[in-house]
């Protein structure tokens, strides 16, 4: 079973974490299963950018992002060539390393009241 390495993140995973993942599981599902509370304002249905992550290792082993995910990624803070939405990034057969960016754009949480 492949391993997913979550790099340390000040808020969601201060120590970092290494977990085994069943192929076909999304990074967001896996994070939540292991109490890494990544944001997902849309509930993980590819309708926002709050679960933006960067695949530091193993990016090429994953299926490519579809057009809808690419459109949302264009709005993500800190976009990089290996950026994915965790709700759409599916674990394959190889190990991957995931970085959760320090900031995300959560328009629902950041809107003036």
PDB file of N, CA and C in Angstrom:
ATOM      1  N   UNK A   1       0.853  -1.177   0.000  1.00  0.00           N
ATOM      2  CA  UNK A   1       0.000   0.000   0.000  1.00  0.00           C
ATOM      3  C   UNK A   1       0.899   1.240   0.000  1.00  0.00           C
ATOM      4  N   UNK A   2       0.578   2.219  -0.843  1.00  0.00           N
ATOM      5  CA  UNK A   2       1.408   3.423  -0.882  1.00  0.00           C
ATOM      6  C   UNK A   2       1.301   4.236   0.406  1.00  0.00           C
ATOM      7  N   UNK A   3       2.358   4.995   0.665  1.00  0.00           N
ATOM      8  CA  UNK A   3       2.362   5.900   1.812  1.00  0.00           C
ATOM      9  C   UNK A   3       2.159   7.325   1.322  1.00  0.00           C
ATOM     10  N   UNK A   4       1.438   8.089   2.135  1.00  0.00           N
ATOM     11  CA  UNK A   4       1.287   9.521   1.893  1.00  0.00           C
ATOM     12  C   UNK A   4       1.956  10.225   3.060  1.00  0.00           C
ATOM     13  N   UNK A   5       2.898  11.080   2.730  1.00  0.00           N
ATOM     14  CA  UNK A   5       3.632  11.846   3.731  1.00  0.00           C
ATOM     15  C   UNK A   5       3.060  13.252   3.729  1.00  0.00           C
ATOM     16  N   UNK A   6       2.461  13.645   4.842  1.00  0.00           N
ATOM     17  CA  UNK A   6       1.986  15.011   5.008  1.00  0.00           C
ATOM     18  C   UNK A   6       3.100  15.789   5.696  1.00  0.00           C
ATOM     19  N   UNK A   7       3.627  16.794   5.025  1.00  0.00           N
ATOM     20  CA  UNK A   7       4.670  17.621   5.623  1.00  0.00           C
ATOM     21  C   UNK A   7       4.076  18.442   6.761  1.00  0.00           C
ATOM     22  N   UNK A   8       4.910  18.834   7.735  1.00  0.00           N
ATOM     23  CA  UNK A   8       4.386  19.618   8.860  1.00  0.00           C
ATOM     24  C   UNK A   8       3.696  20.903   8.402  1.00  0.00           C
ATOM     25  N   UNK A   9       2.581  21.199   9.045  1.00  0.00           N
ATOM     26  CA  UNK A   9       1.819  22.431   8.814  1.00  0.00           C
ATOM     27  C   UNK A   9       1.436  22.966  10.184  1.00  0.00           C
ATOM     28  N   UNK A  10       1.730  24.220  10.421  1.00  0.00           N
ATOM     29  CA  UNK A  10       1.539  24.845  11.730  1.00  0.00           C
ATOM     30  C   UNK A  10       0.161  24.599  12.330  1.00  0.00           C
ATOM     31  N   UNK A  11      -0.890  24.695  11.529  1.00  0.00           N
ATOM     32  CA  UNK A  11      -2.257  24.600  12.042  1.00  0.00           C
ATOM     33  C   UNK A  11      -2.832  23.185  11.964  1.00  0.00           C
ATOM     34  N   UNK A  12      -2.663  22.524  10.834  1.00  0.00           N
ATOM     35  CA  UNK A  12      -3.374  21.269  10.593  1.00  0.00           C
ATOM     36  C   UNK A  12      -2.612  20.010  11.001  1.00  0.00           C
ATOM     37  N   UNK A  13      -1.282  20.070  10.983  1.00  0.00           N
ATOM     38  CA  UNK A  13      -0.488  18.862  11.230  1.00  0.00           C
ATOM     39  C   UNK A  13       0.917  19.275  11.670  1.00  0.00           C
ATOM     40  N   UNK A  14       1.055  19.821  12.882  1.00  0.00           N
ATOM     41  CA  UNK A  14       2.321  20.412  13.308  1.00  0.00           C
ATOM     42  C   UNK A  14       3.531  19.473  13.241  1.00  0.00           C
ATOM     43  N   UNK A  15       3.324  18.191  13.467  1.00  0.00           N
ATOM     44  CA  UNK A  15       4.437  17.243  13.472  1.00  0.00           C
ATOM     45  C   UNK A  15       4.634  16.567  12.119  1.00  0.00           C
ATOM     46  N   UNK A  16       3.728  16.803  11.178  1.00  0.00           N
ATOM     47  CA  UNK A  16       3.743  16.029   9.948  1.00  0.00           C
ATOM     48  C   UNK A  16       3.190  14.640  10.244  1.00  0.00           C
ATOM     49  N   UNK A  17       2.972  13.845   9.208  1.00  0.00           N
ATOM     50  CA  UNK A  17       2.403  12.514   9.425  1.00  0.00           C
ATOM     51  C   UNK A  17       2.665  11.651   8.191  1.00  0.00           C
ATOM     52  N   UNK A  18       2.903  10.372   8.434  1.00  0.00           N
ATOM     53  CA  UNK A  18       3.037   9.393   7.362  1.00  0.00           C
ATOM     54  C   UNK A  18       1.928   8.373   7.554  1.00  0.00           C
ATOM     55  N   UNK A  19       1.119   8.166   6.513  1.00  0.00           N
ATOM     56  CA  UNK A  19      -0.005   7.233   6.611  1.00  0.00           C
ATOM     57  C   UNK A  19      -0.027   6.329   5.384  1.00  0.00           C
ATOM     58  N   UNK A  20      -0.582   5.145   5.564  1.00  0.00           N
ATOM     59  CA  UNK A  20      -0.799   4.259   4.427  1.00  0.00           C
ATOM     60  C   UNK A  20      -2.135   4.613   3.795  1.00  0.00           C
ATOM     61  N   UNK A  21      -2.183   4.490   2.479  1.00  0.00           N
ATOM     62  CA  UNK A  21      -3.394   4.893   1.764  1.00  0.00           C
ATOM     63  C   UNK A  21      -3.802   3.827   0.765  1.00  0.00           C
ATOM     64  N   UNK A  22      -5.067   3.536   0.730  1.00  0.00           N
ATOM     65  CA  UNK A  22      -5.590   2.644  -0.298  1.00  0.00           C
ATOM     66  C   UNK A  22      -5.635   3.406  -1.616  1.00  0.00           C
ATOM     67  N   UNK A  23      -5.100   2.835  -2.689  1.00  0.00           N
ATOM     68  CA  UNK A  23      -5.227   3.502  -3.980  1.00  0.00           C
ATOM     69  C   UNK A  23      -6.695   3.814  -4.271  1.00  0.00           C
ATOM     70  N   UNK A  24      -6.930   4.996  -4.833  1.00  0.00           N
ATOM     71  CA  UNK A  24      -8.296   5.421  -5.126  1.00  0.00           C
ATOM     72  C   UNK A  24      -8.873   6.367  -4.095  1.00  0.00           C
ATOM     73  N   UNK A  25      -8.140   6.591  -2.999  1.00  0.00           N
ATOM     74  CA  UNK A  25      -8.579   7.503  -1.943  1.00  0.00           C
ATOM     75  C   UNK A  25      -8.100   8.915  -2.267  1.00  0.00           C
ATOM     76  N   UNK A  26      -8.936   9.914  -2.039  1.00  0.00           N
ATOM     77  CA  UNK A  26      -8.484  11.293  -2.261  1.00  0.00           C
ATOM     78  C   UNK A  26      -7.618  11.734  -1.088  1.00  0.00           C
ATOM     79  N   UNK A  27      -6.750  12.677  -1.351  1.00  0.00           N
ATOM     80  CA  UNK A  27      -5.896  13.215  -0.291  1.00  0.00           C
ATOM     81  C   UNK A  27      -6.746  13.856   0.793  1.00  0.00           C
ATOM     82  N   UNK A  28      -7.828  14.517   0.412  1.00  0.00           N
ATOM     83  CA  UNK A  28      -8.707  15.148   1.399  1.00  0.00           C
ATOM     84  C   UNK A  28      -9.345  14.100   2.310  1.00  0.00           C
ATOM     85  N   UNK A  29      -9.873  13.023   1.725  1.00  0.00           N
ATOM     86  CA  UNK A  29     -10.466  11.945   2.533  1.00  0.00           C
ATOM     87  C   UNK A  29      -9.436  11.368   3.495  1.00  0.00           C
ATOM     88  N   UNK A  30      -8.254  11.121   2.982  1.00  0.00           N
ATOM     89  CA  UNK A  30      -7.188  10.542   3.789  1.00  0.00           C
ATOM     90  C   UNK A  30      -6.800  11.472   4.936  1.00  0.00           C
ATOM     91  N   UNK A  31      -6.665  12.758   4.632  1.00  0.00           N
ATOM     92  CA  UNK A  31      -6.324  13.732   5.674  1.00  0.00           C
ATOM     93  C   UNK A  31      -7.376  13.718   6.775  1.00  0.00           C
ATOM     94  N   UNK A  32      -8.635  13.793   6.406  1.00  0.00           N
ATOM     95  CA  UNK A  32      -9.706  13.819   7.406  1.00  0.00           C
ATOM     96  C   UNK A  32      -9.779  12.515   8.197  1.00  0.00           C
ATOM     97  N   UNK A  33      -9.525  11.374   7.554  1.00  0.00           N
ATOM     98  CA  UNK A  33      -9.506  10.085   8.266  1.00  0.00           C
ATOM     99  C   UNK A  33      -8.473  10.074   9.384  1.00  0.00           C
ATOM    100  N   UNK A  34      -7.387  10.831   9.182  1.00  0.00           N
ATOM    101  CA  UNK A  34      -6.291  10.852  10.149  1.00  0.00           C
ATOM    102  C   UNK A  34      -6.267  12.150  10.957  1.00  0.00           C
ATOM    103  N   UNK A  35      -7.406  12.811  11.026  1.00  0.00           N
ATOM    104  CA  UNK A  35      -7.603  14.008  11.856  1.00  0.00           C
ATOM    105  C   UNK A  35      -6.711  15.180  11.463  1.00  0.00           C
ATOM    106  N   UNK A  36      -6.364  15.248  10.182  1.00  0.00           N
ATOM    107  CA  UNK A  36      -5.714  16.428   9.628  1.00  0.00           C
ATOM    108  C   UNK A  36      -6.852  17.236   9.013  1.00  0.00           C
ATOM    109  N   UNK A  37      -7.266  18.275   9.691  1.00  0.00           N
ATOM    110  CA  UNK A  37      -8.489  18.990   9.321  1.00  0.00           C
ATOM    111  C   UNK A  37      -8.246  20.045   8.250  1.00  0.00           C
ATOM    112  N   UNK A  38      -7.819  19.581   7.069  1.00  0.00           N
ATOM    113  CA  UNK A  38      -7.678  20.483   5.921  1.00  0.00           C
ATOM    114  C   UNK A  38      -9.021  21.146   5.662  1.00  0.00           C
ATOM    115  N   UNK A  39      -8.970  22.382   5.234  1.00  0.00           N
ATOM    116  CA  UNK A  39     -10.208  23.080   4.911  1.00  0.00           C
ATOM    117  C   UNK A  39     -10.827  22.500   3.642  1.00  0.00           C
ATOM    118  N   UNK A  40     -12.134  22.538   3.595  1.00  0.00           N
ATOM    119  CA  UNK A  40     -12.865  22.143   2.377  1.00  0.00           C
ATOM    120  C   UNK A  40     -14.230  22.821   2.432  1.00  0.00           C
ATOM    121  N   UNK A  41     -14.226  24.112   2.132  1.00  0.00           N
ATOM    122  CA  UNK A  41     -15.445  24.917   2.257  1.00  0.00           C
ATOM    123  C   UNK A  41     -16.602  24.357   1.435  1.00  0.00           C
ATOM    124  N   UNK A  42     -16.302  23.703   0.319  1.00  0.00           N
ATOM    125  CA  UNK A  42     -17.368  23.182  -0.546  1.00  0.00           C
ATOM    126  C   UNK A  42     -17.752  21.750  -0.194  1.00  0.00           C
ATOM    127  N   UNK A  43     -17.105  21.185   0.805  1.00  0.00           N
ATOM    128  CA  UNK A  43     -17.403  19.802   1.176  1.00  0.00           C
ATOM    129  C   UNK A  43     -16.693  18.779   0.309  1.00  0.00           C
ATOM    130  N   UNK A  44     -15.683  19.209  -0.430  1.00  0.00           N
ATOM    131  CA  UNK A  44     -14.904  18.277  -1.234  1.00  0.00           C
ATOM    132  C   UNK A  44     -15.512  17.923  -2.573  1.00  0.00           C
ATOM    133  N   UNK A  45     -16.231  18.878  -3.182  1.00  0.00           N
ATOM    134  CA  UNK A  45     -16.877  18.592  -4.469  1.00  0.00           C
ATOM    135  C   UNK A  45     -16.293  19.428  -5.623  1.00  0.00           C
ATOM    136  N   UNK A  46     -15.074  19.900  -5.463  1.00  0.00           N
ATOM    137  CA  UNK A  46     -14.380  20.665  -6.513  1.00  0.00           C
ATOM    138  C   UNK A  46     -15.139  21.938  -6.874  1.00  0.00           C
ATOM    139  N   UNK A  47     -15.492  22.711  -5.837  1.00  0.00           N
ATOM    140  CA  UNK A  47     -16.206  23.965  -6.070  1.00  0.00           C
ATOM    141  C   UNK A  47     -15.549  25.142  -5.353  1.00  0.00           C
ATOM    142  N   UNK A  48     -14.315  24.960  -4.873  1.00  0.00           N
ATOM    143  CA  UNK A  48     -13.574  26.044  -4.225  1.00  0.00           C
ATOM    144  C   UNK A  48     -12.085  25.713  -4.312  1.00  0.00           C
ATOM    145  N   UNK A  49     -11.262  26.453  -3.598  1.00  0.00           N
ATOM    146  CA  UNK A  49      -9.818  26.174  -3.601  1.00  0.00           C
ATOM    147  C   UNK A  49      -9.262  25.966  -2.200  1.00  0.00           C
ATOM    148  N   UNK A  50     -10.109  25.809  -1.203  1.00  0.00           N
ATOM    149  CA  UNK A  50      -9.607  25.752   0.174  1.00  0.00           C
ATOM    150  C   UNK A  50      -8.797  24.496   0.471  1.00  0.00           C
ATOM    151  N   UNK A  51      -8.948  23.435  -0.309  1.00  0.00           N
ATOM    152  CA  UNK A  51      -8.159  22.222  -0.069  1.00  0.00           C
ATOM    153  C   UNK A  51      -6.934  22.159  -0.979  1.00  0.00           C
ATOM    154  N   UNK A  52      -6.527  23.300  -1.512  1.00  0.00           N
ATOM    155  CA  UNK A  52      -5.331  23.358  -2.357  1.00  0.00           C
ATOM    156  C   UNK A  52      -4.150  22.748  -1.614  1.00  0.00           C
ATOM    157  N   UNK A  53      -3.417  21.886  -2.291  1.00  0.00           N
ATOM    158  CA  UNK A  53      -2.199  21.313  -1.725  1.00  0.00           C
ATOM    159  C   UNK A  53      -1.155  21.227  -2.834  1.00  0.00           C
ATOM    160  N   UNK A  54       0.074  20.958  -2.434  1.00  0.00           N
ATOM    161  CA  UNK A  54       1.169  20.832  -3.392  1.00  0.00           C
ATOM    162  C   UNK A  54       1.760  19.438  -3.231  1.00  0.00           C
ATOM    163  N   UNK A  55       1.871  18.717  -4.327  1.00  0.00           N
ATOM    164  CA  UNK A  55       2.426  17.370  -4.307  1.00  0.00           C
ATOM    165  C   UNK A  55       3.934  17.508  -4.526  1.00  0.00           C
ATOM    166  N   UNK A  56       4.696  17.398  -3.452  1.00  0.00           N
ATOM    167  CA  UNK A  56       6.146  17.603  -3.510  1.00  0.00           C
ATOM    168  C   UNK A  56       6.879  16.401  -4.095  1.00  0.00           C
ATOM    169  N   UNK A  57       6.352  15.207  -3.909  1.00  0.00           N
ATOM    170  CA  UNK A  57       6.931  14.005  -4.513  1.00  0.00           C
ATOM    171  C   UNK A  57       5.791  13.102  -4.953  1.00  0.00           C
ATOM    172  N   UNK A  58       5.967  12.469  -6.105  1.00  0.00           N
ATOM    173  CA  UNK A  58       4.967  11.534  -6.601  1.00  0.00           C
ATOM    174  C   UNK A  58       3.901  12.158  -7.486  1.00  0.00           C
ATOM    175  N   UNK A  59       4.072  13.413  -7.868  1.00  0.00           N
ATOM    176  CA  UNK A  59       3.068  14.118  -8.672  1.00  0.00           C
ATOM    177  C   UNK A  59       2.754  13.370  -9.970  1.00  0.00           C
ATOM    178  N   UNK A  60       3.790  12.881 -10.635  1.00  0.00           N
ATOM    179  CA  UNK A  60       3.593  12.234 -11.934  1.00  0.00           C
ATOM    180  C   UNK A  60       2.908  10.878 -11.832  1.00  0.00           C
ATOM    181  N   UNK A  61       2.829  10.322 -10.625  1.00  0.00           N
ATOM    182  CA  UNK A  61       2.167   9.021 -10.454  1.00  0.00           C
ATOM    183  C   UNK A  61       0.649   9.160 -10.341  1.00  0.00           C
ATOM    184  N   UNK A  62       0.177  10.388 -10.216  1.00  0.00           N
ATOM    185  CA  UNK A  62      -1.255  10.632 -10.044  1.00  0.00           C
ATOM    186  C   UNK A  62      -1.905  10.935 -11.390  1.00  0.00           C
ATOM    187  N   UNK A  63      -3.219  10.692 -11.469  1.00  0.00           N
ATOM    188  CA  UNK A  63      -3.947  11.074 -12.678  1.00  0.00           C
ATOM    189  C   UNK A  63      -3.902  12.588 -12.824  1.00  0.00           C
ATOM    190  N   UNK A  64      -3.934  13.044 -14.052  1.00  0.00           N
ATOM    191  CA  UNK A  64      -3.899  14.481 -14.306  1.00  0.00           C
ATOM    192  C   UNK A  64      -5.187  15.145 -13.843  1.00  0.00           C
ATOM    193  N   UNK A  65      -5.062  16.422 -13.483  1.00  0.00           N
ATOM    194  CA  UNK A  65      -6.241  17.213 -13.106  1.00  0.00           C
ATOM    195  C   UNK A  65      -7.129  17.403 -14.331  1.00  0.00           C
ATOM    196  N   UNK A  66      -8.441  17.402 -14.106  1.00  0.00           N
ATOM    197  CA  UNK A  66      -9.354  17.668 -15.221  1.00  0.00           C
ATOM    198  C   UNK A  66      -9.525  19.183 -15.380  1.00  0.00           C
ATOM    199  N   UNK A  67     -10.290  19.573 -16.379  1.00  0.00           N
ATOM    200  CA  UNK A  67     -10.446  20.993 -16.704  1.00  0.00           C
ATOM    201  C   UNK A  67     -11.091  21.786 -15.569  1.00  0.00           C
ATOM    202  N   UNK A  68     -12.083  21.210 -14.900  1.00  0.00           N
ATOM    203  CA  UNK A  68     -12.745  21.908 -13.796  1.00  0.00           C
ATOM    204  C   UNK A  68     -11.760  22.173 -12.660  1.00  0.00           C
ATOM    205  N   UNK A  69     -10.991  21.152 -12.288  1.00  0.00           N
ATOM    206  CA  UNK A  69      -9.991  21.348 -11.228  1.00  0.00           C
ATOM    207  C   UNK A  69      -8.974  22.406 -11.645  1.00  0.00           C
ATOM    208  N   UNK A  70      -8.511  22.351 -12.888  1.00  0.00           N
ATOM    209  CA  UNK A  70      -7.550  23.346 -13.380  1.00  0.00           C
ATOM    210  C   UNK A  70      -8.124  24.760 -13.286  1.00  0.00           C
ATOM    211  N   UNK A  71      -9.403  24.914 -13.630  1.00  0.00           N
ATOM    212  CA  UNK A  71     -10.046  26.231 -13.541  1.00  0.00           C
ATOM    213  C   UNK A  71     -10.035  26.752 -12.110  1.00  0.00           C
ATOM    214  N   UNK A  72     -10.337  25.887 -11.143  1.00  0.00           N
ATOM    215  CA  UNK A  72     -10.312  26.321  -9.746  1.00  0.00           C
ATOM    216  C   UNK A  72      -8.890  26.563  -9.268  1.00  0.00           C
ATOM    217  N   UNK A  73      -7.951  25.728  -9.683  1.00  0.00           N
ATOM    218  CA  UNK A  73      -6.561  25.926  -9.271  1.00  0.00           C
ATOM    219  C   UNK A  73      -6.035  27.282  -9.710  1.00  0.00           C
ATOM    220  N   UNK A  74      -6.518  27.787 -10.841  1.00  0.00           N
ATOM    221  CA  UNK A  74      -6.089  29.111 -11.306  1.00  0.00           C
ATOM    222  C   UNK A  74      -6.402  30.198 -10.285  1.00  0.00           C
ATOM    223  N   UNK A  75      -7.336  29.944  -9.380  1.00  0.00           N
ATOM    224  CA  UNK A  75      -7.733  30.924  -8.354  1.00  0.00           C
ATOM    225  C   UNK A  75      -7.041  30.687  -7.014  1.00  0.00           C
ATOM    226  N   UNK A  76      -6.268  29.620  -6.904  1.00  0.00           N
ATOM    227  CA  UNK A  76      -5.662  29.240  -5.618  1.00  0.00           C
ATOM    228  C   UNK A  76      -4.500  30.155  -5.263  1.00  0.00           C
ATOM    229  N   UNK A  77      -4.359  30.415  -3.968  1.00  0.00           N
ATOM    230  CA  UNK A  77      -3.228  31.197  -3.478  1.00  0.00           C
ATOM    231  C   UNK A  77      -1.975  30.332  -3.543  1.00  0.00           C
ATOM    232  N   UNK A  78      -0.878  30.882  -4.049  1.00  0.00           N
ATOM    233  CA  UNK A  78       0.396  30.171  -4.045  1.00  0.00           C
ATOM    234  C   UNK A  78       0.467  29.019  -5.032  1.00  0.00           C
ATOM    235  N   UNK A  79      -0.205  29.143  -6.151  1.00  0.00           N
ATOM    236  CA  UNK A  79      -0.248  28.084  -7.158  1.00  0.00           C
ATOM    237  C   UNK A  79       1.158  27.721  -7.633  1.00  0.00           C
ATOM    238  N   UNK A  80       1.426  26.428  -7.723  1.00  0.00           N
ATOM    239  CA  UNK A  80       2.688  25.915  -8.248  1.00  0.00           C
ATOM    240  C   UNK A  80       2.387  24.857  -9.307  1.00  0.00           C
ATOM    241  N   UNK A  81       3.398  24.454 -10.042  1.00  0.00           N
ATOM    242  CA  UNK A  81       3.208  23.463 -11.110  1.00  0.00           C
ATOM    243  C   UNK A  81       2.665  22.140 -10.577  1.00  0.00           C
ATOM    244  N   UNK A  82       2.979  21.803  -9.330  1.00  0.00           N
ATOM    245  CA  UNK A  82       2.523  20.544  -8.735  1.00  0.00           C
ATOM    246  C   UNK A  82       1.311  20.737  -7.822  1.00  0.00           C
ATOM    247  N   UNK A  83       0.590  21.823  -7.989  1.00  0.00           N
ATOM    248  CA  UNK A  83      -0.602  22.083  -7.170  1.00  0.00           C
ATOM    249  C   UNK A  83      -1.753  21.181  -7.594  1.00  0.00           C
ATOM    250  N   UNK A  84      -2.522  20.754  -6.607  1.00  0.00           N
ATOM    251  CA  UNK A  84      -3.752  19.986  -6.836  1.00  0.00           C
ATOM    252  C   UNK A  84      -4.774  20.405  -5.789  1.00  0.00           C
ATOM    253  N   UNK A  85      -6.032  20.096  -6.052  1.00  0.00           N
ATOM    254  CA  UNK A  85      -7.061  20.204  -5.022  1.00  0.00           C
ATOM    255  C   UNK A  85      -7.105  18.846  -4.342  1.00  0.00           C
ATOM    256  N   UNK A  86      -6.986  18.827  -3.026  1.00  0.00           N
ATOM    257  CA  UNK A  86      -6.913  17.562  -2.293  1.00  0.00           C
ATOM    258  C   UNK A  86      -8.162  16.710  -2.491  1.00  0.00           C
ATOM    259  N   UNK A  87      -9.298  17.350  -2.759  1.00  0.00           N
ATOM    260  CA  UNK A  87     -10.534  16.587  -2.976  1.00  0.00           C
ATOM    261  C   UNK A  87     -10.527  15.854  -4.312  1.00  0.00           C
ATOM    262  N   UNK A  88      -9.668  16.271  -5.226  1.00  0.00           N
ATOM    263  CA  UNK A  88      -9.610  15.672  -6.564  1.00  0.00           C
ATOM    264  C   UNK A  88      -8.344  14.861  -6.798  1.00  0.00           C
ATOM    265  N   UNK A  89      -7.347  15.029  -5.939  1.00  0.00           N
ATOM    266  CA  UNK A  89      -6.069  14.321  -6.080  1.00  0.00           C
ATOM    267  C   UNK A  89      -6.213  12.929  -5.480  1.00  0.00           C
ATOM    268  N   UNK A  90      -6.169  11.927  -6.339  1.00  0.00           N
ATOM    269  CA  UNK A  90      -6.417  10.551  -5.931  1.00  0.00           C
ATOM    270  C   UNK A  90      -5.096   9.799  -5.812  1.00  0.00           C
ATOM    271  N   UNK A  91      -4.921   9.111  -4.690  1.00  0.00           N
ATOM    272  CA  UNK A  91      -3.720   8.320  -4.455  1.00  0.00           C
ATOM    273  C   UNK A  91      -3.684   7.175  -5.461  1.00  0.00           C
ATOM    274  N   UNK A  92      -2.511   6.993  -6.074  1.00  0.00           N
ATOM    275  CA  UNK A  92      -2.317   5.892  -7.014  1.00  0.00           C
ATOM    276  C   UNK A  92      -1.562   4.752  -6.348  1.00  0.00           C
ATOM    277  N   UNK A  93      -0.600   4.203  -7.053  1.00  0.00           N
ATOM    278  CA  UNK A  93       0.161   3.049  -6.560  1.00  0.00           C
ATOM    279  C   UNK A  93       1.492   3.445  -5.932  1.00  0.00           C
ATOM    280  N   UNK A  94       1.884   4.716  -6.025  1.00  0.00           N
ATOM    281  CA  UNK A  94       3.186   5.150  -5.527  1.00  0.00           C
ATOM    282  C   UNK A  94       3.034   6.091  -4.337  1.00  0.00           C
ATOM    283  N   UNK A  95       4.107   6.177  -3.545  1.00  0.00           N
ATOM    284  CA  UNK A  95       4.140   7.092  -2.408  1.00  0.00           C
ATOM    285  C   UNK A  95       4.083   8.529  -2.910  1.00  0.00           C
ATOM    286  N   UNK A  96       3.467   9.394  -2.113  1.00  0.00           N
ATOM    287  CA  UNK A  96       3.445  10.816  -2.439  1.00  0.00           C
ATOM    288  C   UNK A  96       3.737  11.633  -1.181  1.00  0.00           C
ATOM    289  N   UNK A  97       4.244  12.828  -1.397  1.00  0.00           N
ATOM    290  CA  UNK A  97       4.503  13.773  -0.316  1.00  0.00           C
ATOM    291  C   UNK A  97       3.647  15.004  -0.569  1.00  0.00           C
ATOM    292  N   UNK A  98       2.891  15.404   0.459  1.00  0.00           N
ATOM    293  CA  UNK A  98       1.912  16.488   0.336  1.00  0.00           C
ATOM    294  C   UNK A  98       2.295  17.651   1.244  1.00  0.00           C
ATOM    295  N   UNK A  99       2.282  18.844   0.685  1.00  0.00           N
ATOM    296  CA  UNK A  99       2.445  20.065   1.473  1.00  0.00           C
ATOM    297  C   UNK A  99       1.127  20.822   1.452  1.00  0.00           C
ATOM    298  N   UNK A 100       0.653  21.191   2.618  1.00  0.00           N
ATOM    299  CA  UNK A 100      -0.530  22.040   2.725  1.00  0.00           C
ATOM    300  C   UNK A 100      -0.017  23.474   2.817  1.00  0.00           C
ATOM    301  N   UNK A 101      -0.370  24.340   1.862  1.00  0.00           N
ATOM    302  CA  UNK A 101       0.142  25.708   1.898  1.00  0.00           C
ATOM    303  C   UNK A 101      -0.252  26.439   3.185  1.00  0.00           C
ATOM    304  N   UNK A 102       0.556  27.406   3.530  1.00  0.00           N
ATOM    305  CA  UNK A 102       0.304  28.175   4.748  1.00  0.00           C
ATOM    306  C   UNK A 102      -1.011  28.944   4.670  1.00  0.00           C
ATOM    307  N   UNK A 103      -1.355  29.419   3.489  1.00  0.00           N
ATOM    308  CA  UNK A 103      -2.570  30.217   3.317  1.00  0.00           C
ATOM    309  C   UNK A 103      -3.487  29.567   2.292  1.00  0.00           C
ATOM    310  N   UNK A 104      -4.777  29.845   2.407  1.00  0.00           N
ATOM    311  CA  UNK A 104      -5.736  29.446   1.379  1.00  0.00           C
ATOM    312  C   UNK A 104      -6.742  30.577   1.227  1.00  0.00           C
ATOM    313  N   UNK A 105      -7.452  30.554   0.119  1.00  0.00           N
ATOM    314  CA  UNK A 105      -8.494  31.549  -0.107  1.00  0.00           C
ATOM    315  C   UNK A 105      -9.832  30.923   0.226  1.00  0.00           C
ATOM    316  N   UNK A 106     -10.390  31.311   1.347  1.00  0.00           N
ATOM    317  CA  UNK A 106     -11.708  30.829   1.749  1.00  0.00           C
ATOM    318  C   UNK A 106     -12.626  32.035   1.728  1.00  0.00           C
ATOM    319  N   UNK A 107     -13.258  32.256   0.579  1.00  0.00           N
ATOM    320  CA  UNK A 107     -14.094  33.449   0.420  1.00  0.00           C
ATOM    321  C   UNK A 107     -15.273  33.459   1.392  1.00  0.00           C
ATOM    322  N   UNK A 108     -15.763  32.302   1.757  1.00  0.00           N
ATOM    323  CA  UNK A 108     -16.883  32.244   2.700  1.00  0.00           C
ATOM    324  C   UNK A 108     -16.447  32.710   4.081  1.00  0.00           C
ATOM    325  N   UNK A 109     -15.269  32.308   4.516  1.00  0.00           N
ATOM    326  CA  UNK A 109     -14.790  32.662   5.853  1.00  0.00           C
ATOM    327  C   UNK A 109     -14.191  34.060   5.890  1.00  0.00           C
ATOM    328  N   UNK A 110     -13.732  34.558   4.742  1.00  0.00           N
ATOM    329  CA  UNK A 110     -13.021  35.824   4.719  1.00  0.00           C
ATOM    330  C   UNK A 110     -13.875  36.987   4.239  1.00  0.00           C
ATOM    331  N   UNK A 111     -15.122  36.727   3.922  1.00  0.00           N
ATOM    332  CA  UNK A 111     -16.001  37.799   3.443  1.00  0.00           C
ATOM    333  C   UNK A 111     -16.348  38.739   4.590  1.00  0.00           C
ATOM    334  N   UNK A 112     -16.438  40.038   4.312  1.00  0.00           N
ATOM    335  CA  UNK A 112     -16.841  40.972   5.359  1.00  0.00           C
ATOM    336  C   UNK A 112     -18.282  40.698   5.794  1.00  0.00           C
ATOM    337  N   UNK A 113     -18.544  40.878   7.058  1.00  0.00           N
ATOM    338  CA  UNK A 113     -19.888  40.604   7.603  1.00  0.00           C
ATOM    339  C   UNK A 113     -20.654  41.886   7.792  1.00  0.00           C
TER     340      UNK A 113
END
